Amino acid sequence: MRRNRKKKFAYRPSDKVISRESAASSIMGAVGILGYILLIFGSFRAQGNGGAFYGLAGWGILILSVLGLMFAIKSFQDTAAMAVWKIIGCITNGLVLGFSVVIFILGI
């Protein structure tokens, strides 16, 4: 009589596991996008005379996106976690970082 034994060494990714790094990077990316939207809206309302507050907030969002991108890249080491949140974290933080670089180059 032959039993059907499961392989214990096989790779079985779980669709319900979200790593902390990928969740943190996704949240940081969402905060960065929302922060830039609020900064642009506030700058238009202040007619370009926002002062140092808007500049410091922009630098803060830049640093936040760099940290979020580092967390997103670090989260790819966890192979058992969902890949969707890792990719979302990379994309959102990459967009915020790219937008920051464009603003820096244009000198807005």
PDB file of N, CA and C in Angstrom:
ATOM      1  N   MET A   1       0.830  -1.170   0.000  1.00  0.00           N
ATOM      2  CA  MET A   1       0.000   0.000   0.000  1.00  0.00           C
ATOM      3  C   MET A   1       0.888   1.252   0.000  1.00  0.00           C
ATOM      4  N   ARG A   2       0.628   2.112  -0.928  1.00  0.00           N
ATOM      5  CA  ARG A   2       1.471   3.293  -1.100  1.00  0.00           C
ATOM      6  C   ARG A   2       0.758   4.537  -0.563  1.00  0.00           C
ATOM      7  N   ARG A   3       1.456   5.283   0.244  1.00  0.00           N
ATOM      8  CA  ARG A   3       0.879   6.511   0.790  1.00  0.00           C
ATOM      9  C   ARG A   3       1.312   7.698  -0.048  1.00  0.00           C
ATOM     10  N   ASN A   4       0.424   8.664  -0.119  1.00  0.00           N
ATOM     11  CA  ASN A   4       0.741   9.907  -0.827  1.00  0.00           C
ATOM     12  C   ASN A   4       1.383  10.866   0.170  1.00  0.00           C
ATOM     13  N   ARG A   5       2.667  10.973   0.086  1.00  0.00           N
ATOM     14  CA  ARG A   5       3.386  11.835   1.029  1.00  0.00           C
ATOM     15  C   ARG A   5       3.688  13.169   0.381  1.00  0.00           C
ATOM     16  N   LYS A   6       3.537  14.217   1.162  1.00  0.00           N
ATOM     17  CA  LYS A   6       3.861  15.554   0.672  1.00  0.00           C
ATOM     18  C   LYS A   6       5.345  15.815   0.860  1.00  0.00           C
ATOM     19  N   LYS A   7       5.885  16.544  -0.062  1.00  0.00           N
ATOM     20  CA  LYS A   7       7.282  16.922   0.060  1.00  0.00           C
ATOM     21  C   LYS A   7       7.394  18.030   1.094  1.00  0.00           C
ATOM     22  N   LYS A   8       8.233  17.836   2.073  1.00  0.00           N
ATOM     23  CA  LYS A   8       8.398  18.849   3.101  1.00  0.00           C
ATOM     24  C   LYS A   8       9.430  19.895   2.713  1.00  0.00           C
ATOM     25  N   PHE A   9      10.231  19.590   1.728  1.00  0.00           N
ATOM     26  CA  PHE A   9      11.281  20.517   1.332  1.00  0.00           C
ATOM     27  C   PHE A   9      10.858  21.404   0.169  1.00  0.00           C
ATOM     28  N   ALA A  10       9.685  21.197  -0.369  1.00  0.00           N
ATOM     29  CA  ALA A  10       9.244  21.964  -1.535  1.00  0.00           C
ATOM     30  C   ALA A  10       8.926  23.396  -1.141  1.00  0.00           C
ATOM     31  N   TYR A  11       9.095  24.268  -2.099  1.00  0.00           N
ATOM     32  CA  TYR A  11       8.820  25.688  -1.877  1.00  0.00           C
ATOM     33  C   TYR A  11       7.322  25.918  -2.051  1.00  0.00           C
ATOM     34  N   ARG A  12       6.691  26.425  -1.003  1.00  0.00           N
ATOM     35  CA  ARG A  12       5.265  26.732  -1.056  1.00  0.00           C
ATOM     36  C   ARG A  12       5.061  28.169  -0.585  1.00  0.00           C
ATOM     37  N   PRO A  13       4.954  29.102  -1.498  1.00  0.00           N
ATOM     38  CA  PRO A  13       4.715  30.480  -1.062  1.00  0.00           C
ATOM     39  C   PRO A  13       3.302  30.633  -0.518  1.00  0.00           C
ATOM     40  N   SER A  14       3.185  31.408   0.504  1.00  0.00           N
ATOM     41  CA  SER A  14       1.877  31.659   1.096  1.00  0.00           C
ATOM     42  C   SER A  14       1.340  32.972   0.560  1.00  0.00           C
ATOM     43  N   ASP A  15       0.107  32.971   0.123  1.00  0.00           N
ATOM     44  CA  ASP A  15      -0.486  34.187  -0.416  1.00  0.00           C
ATOM     45  C   ASP A  15      -0.984  35.124   0.673  1.00  0.00           C
ATOM     46  N   LYS A  16      -0.900  34.691   1.908  1.00  0.00           N
ATOM     47  CA  LYS A  16      -1.441  35.506   2.997  1.00  0.00           C
ATOM     48  C   LYS A  16      -0.367  36.213   3.807  1.00  0.00           C
ATOM     49  N   VAL A  17       0.884  35.988   3.506  1.00  0.00           N
ATOM     50  CA  VAL A  17       1.980  36.563   4.282  1.00  0.00           C
ATOM     51  C   VAL A  17       2.454  37.847   3.613  1.00  0.00           C
ATOM     52  N   ILE A  18       2.493  38.919   4.388  1.00  0.00           N
ATOM     53  CA  ILE A  18       3.015  40.197   3.916  1.00  0.00           C
ATOM     54  C   ILE A  18       4.191  40.556   4.817  1.00  0.00           C
ATOM     55  N   SER A  19       5.342  40.768   4.230  1.00  0.00           N
ATOM     56  CA  SER A  19       6.505  41.094   5.040  1.00  0.00           C
ATOM     57  C   SER A  19       6.403  42.526   5.560  1.00  0.00           C
ATOM     58  N   ARG A  20       7.048  42.763   6.673  1.00  0.00           N
ATOM     59  CA  ARG A  20       7.002  44.097   7.289  1.00  0.00           C
ATOM     60  C   ARG A  20       7.651  45.147   6.411  1.00  0.00           C
ATOM     61  N   GLU A  21       8.753  44.765   5.777  1.00  0.00           N
ATOM     62  CA  GLU A  21       9.468  45.719   4.933  1.00  0.00           C
ATOM     63  C   GLU A  21       8.623  46.141   3.728  1.00  0.00           C
ATOM     64  N   SER A  22       7.922  45.185   3.126  1.00  0.00           N
ATOM     65  CA  SER A  22       7.116  45.537   1.959  1.00  0.00           C
ATOM     66  C   SER A  22       5.914  46.380   2.349  1.00  0.00           C
ATOM     67  N   ALA A  23       5.316  46.102   3.505  1.00  0.00           N
ATOM     68  CA  ALA A  23       4.198  46.924   3.972  1.00  0.00           C
ATOM     69  C   ALA A  23       4.675  48.335   4.303  1.00  0.00           C
ATOM     70  N   ALA A  24       5.820  48.432   4.966  1.00  0.00           N
ATOM     71  CA  ALA A  24       6.357  49.750   5.309  1.00  0.00           C
ATOM     72  C   ALA A  24       6.724  50.536   4.055  1.00  0.00           C
ATOM     73  N   SER A  25       7.302  49.871   3.061  1.00  0.00           N
ATOM     74  CA  SER A  25       7.681  50.584   1.841  1.00  0.00           C
ATOM     75  C   SER A  25       6.456  51.030   1.053  1.00  0.00           C
ATOM     76  N   SER A  26       5.407  50.219   1.045  1.00  0.00           N
ATOM     77  CA  SER A  26       4.176  50.624   0.356  1.00  0.00           C
ATOM     78  C   SER A  26       3.532  51.819   1.032  1.00  0.00           C
ATOM     79  N   ILE A  27       3.525  51.813   2.351  1.00  0.00           N
ATOM     80  CA  ILE A  27       2.963  52.947   3.102  1.00  0.00           C
ATOM     81  C   ILE A  27       3.800  54.195   2.880  1.00  0.00           C
ATOM     82  N   MET A  28       5.122  54.055   2.891  1.00  0.00           N
ATOM     83  CA  MET A  28       5.989  55.209   2.649  1.00  0.00           C
ATOM     84  C   MET A  28       5.789  55.779   1.243  1.00  0.00           C
ATOM     85  N   GLY A  29       5.605  54.909   0.274  1.00  0.00           N
ATOM     86  CA  GLY A  29       5.360  55.369  -1.087  1.00  0.00           C
ATOM     87  C   GLY A  29       4.036  56.115  -1.196  1.00  0.00           C
ATOM     88  N   ALA A  30       2.994  55.593  -0.539  1.00  0.00           N
ATOM     89  CA  ALA A  30       1.692  56.266  -0.562  1.00  0.00           C
ATOM     90  C   ALA A  30       1.760  57.613   0.146  1.00  0.00           C
ATOM     91  N   VAL A  31       2.485  57.673   1.254  1.00  0.00           N
ATOM     92  CA  VAL A  31       2.648  58.945   1.974  1.00  0.00           C
ATOM     93  C   VAL A  31       3.431  59.934   1.130  1.00  0.00           C
ATOM     94  N   GLY A  32       4.428  59.453   0.405  1.00  0.00           N
ATOM     95  CA  GLY A  32       5.212  60.324  -0.466  1.00  0.00           C
ATOM     96  C   GLY A  32       4.379  60.911  -1.590  1.00  0.00           C
ATOM     97  N   ILE A  33       3.562  60.075  -2.234  1.00  0.00           N
ATOM     98  CA  ILE A  33       2.710  60.569  -3.322  1.00  0.00           C
ATOM     99  C   ILE A  33       1.687  61.564  -2.786  1.00  0.00           C
ATOM    100  N   LEU A  34       1.045  61.219  -1.683  1.00  0.00           N
ATOM    101  CA  LEU A  34       0.064  62.127  -1.079  1.00  0.00           C
ATOM    102  C   LEU A  34       0.733  63.420  -0.600  1.00  0.00           C
ATOM    103  N   GLY A  35       1.935  63.294  -0.050  1.00  0.00           N
ATOM    104  CA  GLY A  35       2.659  64.476   0.401  1.00  0.00           C
ATOM    105  C   GLY A  35       2.997  65.423  -0.733  1.00  0.00           C
ATOM    106  N   TYR A  36       3.448  64.877  -1.863  1.00  0.00           N
ATOM    107  CA  TYR A  36       3.744  65.734  -3.014  1.00  0.00           C
ATOM    108  C   TYR A  36       2.489  66.388  -3.573  1.00  0.00           C
ATOM    109  N   ILE A  37       1.380  65.659  -3.585  1.00  0.00           N
ATOM    110  CA  ILE A  37       0.128  66.262  -4.047  1.00  0.00           C
ATOM    111  C   ILE A  37      -0.266  67.426  -3.148  1.00  0.00           C
ATOM    112  N   LEU A  38      -0.143  67.231  -1.833  1.00  0.00           N
ATOM    113  CA  LEU A  38      -0.473  68.317  -0.900  1.00  0.00           C
ATOM    114  C   LEU A  38       0.498  69.488  -1.014  1.00  0.00           C
ATOM    115  N   LEU A  39       1.781  69.201  -1.221  1.00  0.00           N
ATOM    116  CA  LEU A  39       2.764  70.277  -1.373  1.00  0.00           C
ATOM    117  C   LEU A  39       2.525  71.086  -2.647  1.00  0.00           C
ATOM    118  N   ILE A  40       2.191  70.416  -3.730  1.00  0.00           N
ATOM    119  CA  ILE A  40       1.921  71.131  -4.976  1.00  0.00           C
ATOM    120  C   ILE A  40       0.664  71.980  -4.832  1.00  0.00           C
ATOM    121  N   PHE A  41      -0.358  71.412  -4.214  1.00  0.00           N
ATOM    122  CA  PHE A  41      -1.597  72.168  -3.999  1.00  0.00           C
ATOM    123  C   PHE A  41      -1.350  73.384  -3.098  1.00  0.00           C
ATOM    124  N   GLY A  42      -0.591  73.184  -2.025  1.00  0.00           N
ATOM    125  CA  GLY A  42      -0.280  74.292  -1.121  1.00  0.00           C
ATOM    126  C   GLY A  42       0.588  75.353  -1.769  1.00  0.00           C
ATOM    127  N   SER A  43       1.499  74.939  -2.634  1.00  0.00           N
ATOM    128  CA  SER A  43       2.349  75.903  -3.333  1.00  0.00           C
ATOM    129  C   SER A  43       1.539  76.751  -4.304  1.00  0.00           C
ATOM    130  N   PHE A  44       0.577  76.125  -4.975  1.00  0.00           N
ATOM    131  CA  PHE A  44      -0.293  76.909  -5.859  1.00  0.00           C
ATOM    132  C   PHE A  44      -1.149  77.883  -5.061  1.00  0.00           C
ATOM    133  N   ARG A  45      -1.607  77.472  -3.904  1.00  0.00           N
ATOM    134  CA  ARG A  45      -2.436  78.366  -3.080  1.00  0.00           C
ATOM    135  C   ARG A  45      -1.629  79.529  -2.533  1.00  0.00           C
ATOM    136  N   ALA A  46      -0.342  79.280  -2.230  1.00  0.00           N
ATOM    137  CA  ALA A  46       0.523  80.342  -1.720  1.00  0.00           C
ATOM    138  C   ALA A  46       1.141  81.151  -2.846  1.00  0.00           C
ATOM    139  N   GLN A  47       0.815  80.834  -4.089  1.00  0.00           N
ATOM    140  CA  GLN A  47       1.296  81.524  -5.285  1.00  0.00           C
ATOM    141  C   GLN A  47       2.821  81.525  -5.380  1.00  0.00           C
ATOM    142  N   GLY A  48       3.416  80.388  -4.986  1.00  0.00           N
ATOM    143  CA  GLY A  48       4.862  80.229  -5.103  1.00  0.00           C
ATOM    144  C   GLY A  48       5.649  80.850  -3.973  1.00  0.00           C
ATOM    145  N   ASN A  49       5.000  81.397  -2.976  1.00  0.00           N
ATOM    146  CA  ASN A  49       5.688  82.033  -1.851  1.00  0.00           C
ATOM    147  C   ASN A  49       5.500  81.229  -0.576  1.00  0.00           C
ATOM    148  N   GLY A  50       5.749  79.923  -0.654  1.00  0.00           N
ATOM    149  CA  GLY A  50       5.539  79.040   0.492  1.00  0.00           C
ATOM    150  C   GLY A  50       6.630  79.136   1.537  1.00  0.00           C
ATOM    151  N   GLY A  51       7.778  79.559   1.151  1.00  0.00           N
ATOM    152  CA  GLY A  51       8.871  79.695   2.098  1.00  0.00           C
ATOM    153  C   GLY A  51       9.642  78.403   2.281  1.00  0.00           C
ATOM    154  N   ALA A  52      10.371  78.358   3.378  1.00  0.00           N
ATOM    155  CA  ALA A  52      11.263  77.235   3.644  1.00  0.00           C
ATOM    156  C   ALA A  52      10.499  75.972   4.036  1.00  0.00           C
ATOM    157  N   PHE A  53       9.259  76.122   4.495  1.00  0.00           N
ATOM    158  CA  PHE A  53       8.480  74.958   4.919  1.00  0.00           C
ATOM    159  C   PHE A  53       8.277  73.974   3.773  1.00  0.00           C
ATOM    160  N   TYR A  54       7.926  74.481   2.600  1.00  0.00           N
ATOM    161  CA  TYR A  54       7.690  73.604   1.452  1.00  0.00           C
ATOM    162  C   TYR A  54       8.987  72.946   0.986  1.00  0.00           C
ATOM    163  N   GLY A  55      10.082  73.655   1.055  1.00  0.00           N
ATOM    164  CA  GLY A  55      11.372  73.077   0.680  1.00  0.00           C
ATOM    165  C   GLY A  55      11.800  71.972   1.633  1.00  0.00           C
ATOM    166  N   LEU A  56      11.645  72.217   2.938  1.00  0.00           N
ATOM    167  CA  LEU A  56      11.995  71.193   3.926  1.00  0.00           C
ATOM    168  C   LEU A  56      11.080  69.980   3.825  1.00  0.00           C
ATOM    169  N   ALA A  57       9.806  70.216   3.550  1.00  0.00           N
ATOM    170  CA  ALA A  57       8.874  69.102   3.385  1.00  0.00           C
ATOM    171  C   ALA A  57       9.247  68.280   2.148  1.00  0.00           C
ATOM    172  N   GLY A  58       9.673  68.931   1.083  1.00  0.00           N
ATOM    173  CA  GLY A  58      10.120  68.223  -0.112  1.00  0.00           C
ATOM    174  C   GLY A  58      11.344  67.377   0.146  1.00  0.00           C
ATOM    175  N   TRP A  59      12.307  67.925   0.895  1.00  0.00           N
ATOM    176  CA  TRP A  59      13.490  67.146   1.247  1.00  0.00           C
ATOM    177  C   TRP A  59      13.110  65.970   2.148  1.00  0.00           C
ATOM    178  N   GLY A  60      12.163  66.182   3.046  1.00  0.00           N
ATOM    179  CA  GLY A  60      11.701  65.090   3.903  1.00  0.00           C
ATOM    180  C   GLY A  60      11.059  63.971   3.106  1.00  0.00           C
ATOM    181  N   ILE A  61      10.270  64.328   2.105  1.00  0.00           N
ATOM    182  CA  ILE A  61       9.649  63.321   1.252  1.00  0.00           C
ATOM    183  C   ILE A  61      10.710  62.594   0.434  1.00  0.00           C
ATOM    184  N   LEU A  62      11.737  63.304  -0.007  1.00  0.00           N
ATOM    185  CA  LEU A  62      12.838  62.673  -0.734  1.00  0.00           C
ATOM    186  C   LEU A  62      13.534  61.628   0.129  1.00  0.00           C
ATOM    187  N   ILE A  63      13.844  61.977   1.360  1.00  0.00           N
ATOM    188  CA  ILE A  63      14.496  61.038   2.277  1.00  0.00           C
ATOM    189  C   ILE A  63      13.581  59.863   2.581  1.00  0.00           C
ATOM    190  N   LEU A  64      12.288  60.138   2.751  1.00  0.00           N
ATOM    191  CA  LEU A  64      11.317  59.080   3.007  1.00  0.00           C
ATOM    192  C   LEU A  64      11.234  58.104   1.832  1.00  0.00           C
ATOM    193  N   SER A  65      11.306  58.627   0.618  1.00  0.00           N
ATOM    194  CA  SER A  65      11.236  57.741  -0.548  1.00  0.00           C
ATOM    195  C   SER A  65      12.501  56.911  -0.701  1.00  0.00           C
ATOM    196  N   VAL A  66      13.651  57.461  -0.352  1.00  0.00           N
ATOM    197  CA  VAL A  66      14.893  56.684  -0.410  1.00  0.00           C
ATOM    198  C   VAL A  66      14.840  55.542   0.610  1.00  0.00           C
ATOM    199  N   LEU A  67      14.374  55.841   1.828  1.00  0.00           N
ATOM    200  CA  LEU A  67      14.246  54.791   2.839  1.00  0.00           C
ATOM    201  C   LEU A  67      13.214  53.749   2.415  1.00  0.00           C
ATOM    202  N   GLY A  68      12.113  54.196   1.833  1.00  0.00           N
ATOM    203  CA  GLY A  68      11.094  53.269   1.369  1.00  0.00           C
ATOM    204  C   GLY A  68      11.596  52.367   0.256  1.00  0.00           C
ATOM    205  N   LEU A  69      12.399  52.908  -0.639  1.00  0.00           N
ATOM    206  CA  LEU A  69      12.972  52.100  -1.715  1.00  0.00           C
ATOM    207  C   LEU A  69      13.972  51.084  -1.155  1.00  0.00           C
ATOM    208  N   MET A  70      14.718  51.475  -0.133  1.00  0.00           N
ATOM    209  CA  MET A  70      15.636  50.528   0.512  1.00  0.00           C
ATOM    210  C   MET A  70      14.857  49.392   1.170  1.00  0.00           C
ATOM    211  N   PHE A  71      13.752  49.723   1.850  1.00  0.00           N
ATOM    212  CA  PHE A  71      12.918  48.683   2.459  1.00  0.00           C
ATOM    213  C   PHE A  71      12.311  47.774   1.397  1.00  0.00           C
ATOM    214  N   ALA A  72      11.900  48.355   0.273  1.00  0.00           N
ATOM    215  CA  ALA A  72      11.292  47.557  -0.795  1.00  0.00           C
ATOM    216  C   ALA A  72      12.300  46.583  -1.387  1.00  0.00           C
ATOM    217  N   ILE A  73      13.519  47.034  -1.597  1.00  0.00           N
ATOM    218  CA  ILE A  73      14.552  46.152  -2.135  1.00  0.00           C
ATOM    219  C   ILE A  73      14.917  45.076  -1.122  1.00  0.00           C
ATOM    220  N   LYS A  74      14.964  45.455   0.154  1.00  0.00           N
ATOM    221  CA  LYS A  74      15.276  44.494   1.212  1.00  0.00           C
ATOM    222  C   LYS A  74      14.165  43.449   1.356  1.00  0.00           C
ATOM    223  N   SER A  75      12.929  43.829   1.043  1.00  0.00           N
ATOM    224  CA  SER A  75      11.815  42.891   1.210  1.00  0.00           C
ATOM    225  C   SER A  75      11.833  41.775   0.172  1.00  0.00           C
ATOM    226  N   PHE A  76      12.557  41.919  -0.915  1.00  0.00           N
ATOM    227  CA  PHE A  76      12.631  40.865  -1.916  1.00  0.00           C
ATOM    228  C   PHE A  76      13.424  39.655  -1.433  1.00  0.00           C
ATOM    229  N   GLN A  77      14.133  39.764  -0.318  1.00  0.00           N
ATOM    230  CA  GLN A  77      14.855  38.627   0.233  1.00  0.00           C
ATOM    231  C   GLN A  77      13.908  37.607   0.849  1.00  0.00           C
ATOM    232  N   ASP A  78      12.743  38.057   1.315  1.00  0.00           N
ATOM    233  CA  ASP A  78      11.760  37.159   1.897  1.00  0.00           C
ATOM    234  C   ASP A  78      10.953  36.531   0.762  1.00  0.00           C
ATOM    235  N   THR A  79      11.273  35.302   0.412  1.00  0.00           N
ATOM    236  CA  THR A  79      10.647  34.676  -0.753  1.00  0.00           C
ATOM    237  C   THR A  79       9.268  34.114  -0.455  1.00  0.00           C
ATOM    238  N   ALA A  80       8.904  33.934   0.808  1.00  0.00           N
ATOM    239  CA  ALA A  80       7.616  33.342   1.129  1.00  0.00           C
ATOM    240  C   ALA A  80       6.493  34.371   1.191  1.00  0.00           C
ATOM    241  N   ALA A  81       6.810  35.644   1.165  1.00  0.00           N
ATOM    242  CA  ALA A  81       5.793  36.684   1.286  1.00  0.00           C
ATOM    243  C   ALA A  81       5.218  37.022  -0.086  1.00  0.00           C
ATOM    244  N   MET A  82       4.099  37.716  -0.058  1.00  0.00           N
ATOM    245  CA  MET A  82       3.436  38.118  -1.300  1.00  0.00           C
ATOM    246  C   MET A  82       4.321  39.085  -2.077  1.00  0.00           C
ATOM    247  N   ALA A  83       4.354  38.906  -3.374  1.00  0.00           N
ATOM    248  CA  ALA A  83       5.191  39.760  -4.215  1.00  0.00           C
ATOM    249  C   ALA A  83       4.486  41.053  -4.598  1.00  0.00           C
ATOM    250  N   VAL A  84       3.163  41.096  -4.458  1.00  0.00           N
ATOM    251  CA  VAL A  84       2.407  42.269  -4.894  1.00  0.00           C
ATOM    252  C   VAL A  84       2.812  43.505  -4.098  1.00  0.00           C
ATOM    253  N   TRP A  85       2.910  43.382  -2.791  1.00  0.00           N
ATOM    254  CA  TRP A  85       3.247  44.539  -1.955  1.00  0.00           C
ATOM    255  C   TRP A  85       4.689  44.966  -2.143  1.00  0.00           C
ATOM    256  N   LYS A  86       5.554  44.029  -2.460  1.00  0.00           N
ATOM    257  CA  LYS A  86       6.948  44.378  -2.746  1.00  0.00           C
ATOM    258  C   LYS A  86       7.028  45.231  -4.009  1.00  0.00           C
ATOM    259  N   ILE A  87       6.293  44.820  -5.023  1.00  0.00           N
ATOM    260  CA  ILE A  87       6.304  45.549  -6.295  1.00  0.00           C
ATOM    261  C   ILE A  87       5.644  46.909  -6.146  1.00  0.00           C
ATOM    262  N   ILE A  88       4.541  46.970  -5.404  1.00  0.00           N
ATOM    263  CA  ILE A  88       3.873  48.260  -5.163  1.00  0.00           C
ATOM    264  C   ILE A  88       4.808  49.213  -4.429  1.00  0.00           C
ATOM    265  N   GLY A  89       5.529  48.712  -3.434  1.00  0.00           N
ATOM    266  CA  GLY A  89       6.482  49.545  -2.713  1.00  0.00           C
ATOM    267  C   GLY A  89       7.586  50.065  -3.607  1.00  0.00           C
ATOM    268  N   CYS A  90       8.113  49.214  -4.488  1.00  0.00           N
ATOM    269  CA  CYS A  90       9.163  49.651  -5.421  1.00  0.00           C
ATOM    270  C   CYS A  90       8.641  50.696  -6.393  1.00  0.00           C
ATOM    271  N   ILE A  91       7.460  50.468  -6.940  1.00  0.00           N
ATOM    272  CA  ILE A  91       6.920  51.395  -7.936  1.00  0.00           C
ATOM    273  C   ILE A  91       6.599  52.744  -7.321  1.00  0.00           C
ATOM    274  N   THR A  92       5.896  52.757  -6.180  1.00  0.00           N
ATOM    275  CA  THR A  92       5.506  54.044  -5.590  1.00  0.00           C
ATOM    276  C   THR A  92       6.718  54.840  -5.131  1.00  0.00           C
ATOM    277  N   ASN A  93       7.659  54.187  -4.483  1.00  0.00           N
ATOM    278  CA  ASN A  93       8.853  54.908  -4.033  1.00  0.00           C
ATOM    279  C   ASN A  93       9.731  55.320  -5.203  1.00  0.00           C
ATOM    280  N   GLY A  94       9.767  54.510  -6.246  1.00  0.00           N
ATOM    281  CA  GLY A  94      10.510  54.893  -7.446  1.00  0.00           C
ATOM    282  C   GLY A  94       9.903  56.106  -8.123  1.00  0.00           C
ATOM    283  N   LEU A  95       8.567  56.169  -8.181  1.00  0.00           N
ATOM    284  CA  LEU A  95       7.900  57.337  -8.766  1.00  0.00           C
ATOM    285  C   LEU A  95       8.179  58.601  -7.961  1.00  0.00           C
ATOM    286  N   VAL A  96       8.092  58.488  -6.639  1.00  0.00           N
ATOM    287  CA  VAL A  96       8.351  59.653  -5.787  1.00  0.00           C
ATOM    288  C   VAL A  96       9.805  60.094  -5.912  1.00  0.00           C
ATOM    289  N   LEU A  97      10.715  59.145  -5.952  1.00  0.00           N
ATOM    290  CA  LEU A  97      12.131  59.481  -6.089  1.00  0.00           C
ATOM    291  C   LEU A  97      12.414  60.103  -7.448  1.00  0.00           C
ATOM    292  N   GLY A  98      11.816  59.551  -8.500  1.00  0.00           N
ATOM    293  CA  GLY A  98      11.983  60.128  -9.833  1.00  0.00           C
ATOM    294  C   GLY A  98      11.411  61.530  -9.923  1.00  0.00           C
ATOM    295  N   PHE A  99      10.241  61.747  -9.326  1.00  0.00           N
ATOM    296  CA  PHE A  99       9.649  63.080  -9.310  1.00  0.00           C
ATOM    297  C   PHE A  99      10.525  64.060  -8.532  1.00  0.00           C
ATOM    298  N   SER A 100      11.125  63.595  -7.445  1.00  0.00           N
ATOM    299  CA  SER A 100      12.030  64.450  -6.664  1.00  0.00           C
ATOM    300  C   SER A 100      13.251  64.841  -7.475  1.00  0.00           C
ATOM    301  N   VAL A 101      13.793  63.900  -8.238  1.00  0.00           N
ATOM    302  CA  VAL A 101      14.966  64.193  -9.063  1.00  0.00           C
ATOM    303  C   VAL A 101      14.610  65.195 -10.159  1.00  0.00           C
ATOM    304  N   VAL A 102      13.429  65.026 -10.775  1.00  0.00           N
ATOM    305  CA  VAL A 102      12.999  65.966 -11.807  1.00  0.00           C
ATOM    306  C   VAL A 102      12.828  67.364 -11.232  1.00  0.00           C
ATOM    307  N   ILE A 103      12.230  67.470 -10.054  1.00  0.00           N
ATOM    308  CA  ILE A 103      12.068  68.778  -9.409  1.00  0.00           C
ATOM    309  C   ILE A 103      13.428  69.381  -9.083  1.00  0.00           C
ATOM    310  N   PHE A 104      14.363  68.555  -8.619  1.00  0.00           N
ATOM    311  CA  PHE A 104      15.690  69.046  -8.279  1.00  0.00           C
ATOM    312  C   PHE A 104      16.429  69.546  -9.528  1.00  0.00           C
ATOM    313  N   ILE A 105      16.330  68.807 -10.630  1.00  0.00           N
ATOM    314  CA  ILE A 105      17.030  69.194 -11.859  1.00  0.00           C
ATOM    315  C   ILE A 105      16.420  70.461 -12.448  1.00  0.00           C
ATOM    316  N   LEU A 106      15.073  70.539 -12.461  1.00  0.00           N
ATOM    317  CA  LEU A 106      14.419  71.712 -13.030  1.00  0.00           C
ATOM    318  C   LEU A 106      14.548  72.938 -12.119  1.00  0.00           C
ATOM    319  N   GLY A 107      14.753  72.717 -10.843  1.00  0.00           N
ATOM    320  CA  GLY A 107      14.913  73.830  -9.916  1.00  0.00           C
ATOM    321  C   GLY A 107      13.606  74.515  -9.556  1.00  0.00           C
ATOM    322  N   ILE A 108      12.549  73.734  -9.542  1.00  0.00           N
ATOM    323  CA  ILE A 108      11.234  74.320  -9.215  1.00  0.00           C
ATOM    324  C   ILE A 108      11.170  74.631  -7.745  1.00  0.00           C
TER     325      ILE A 108
END
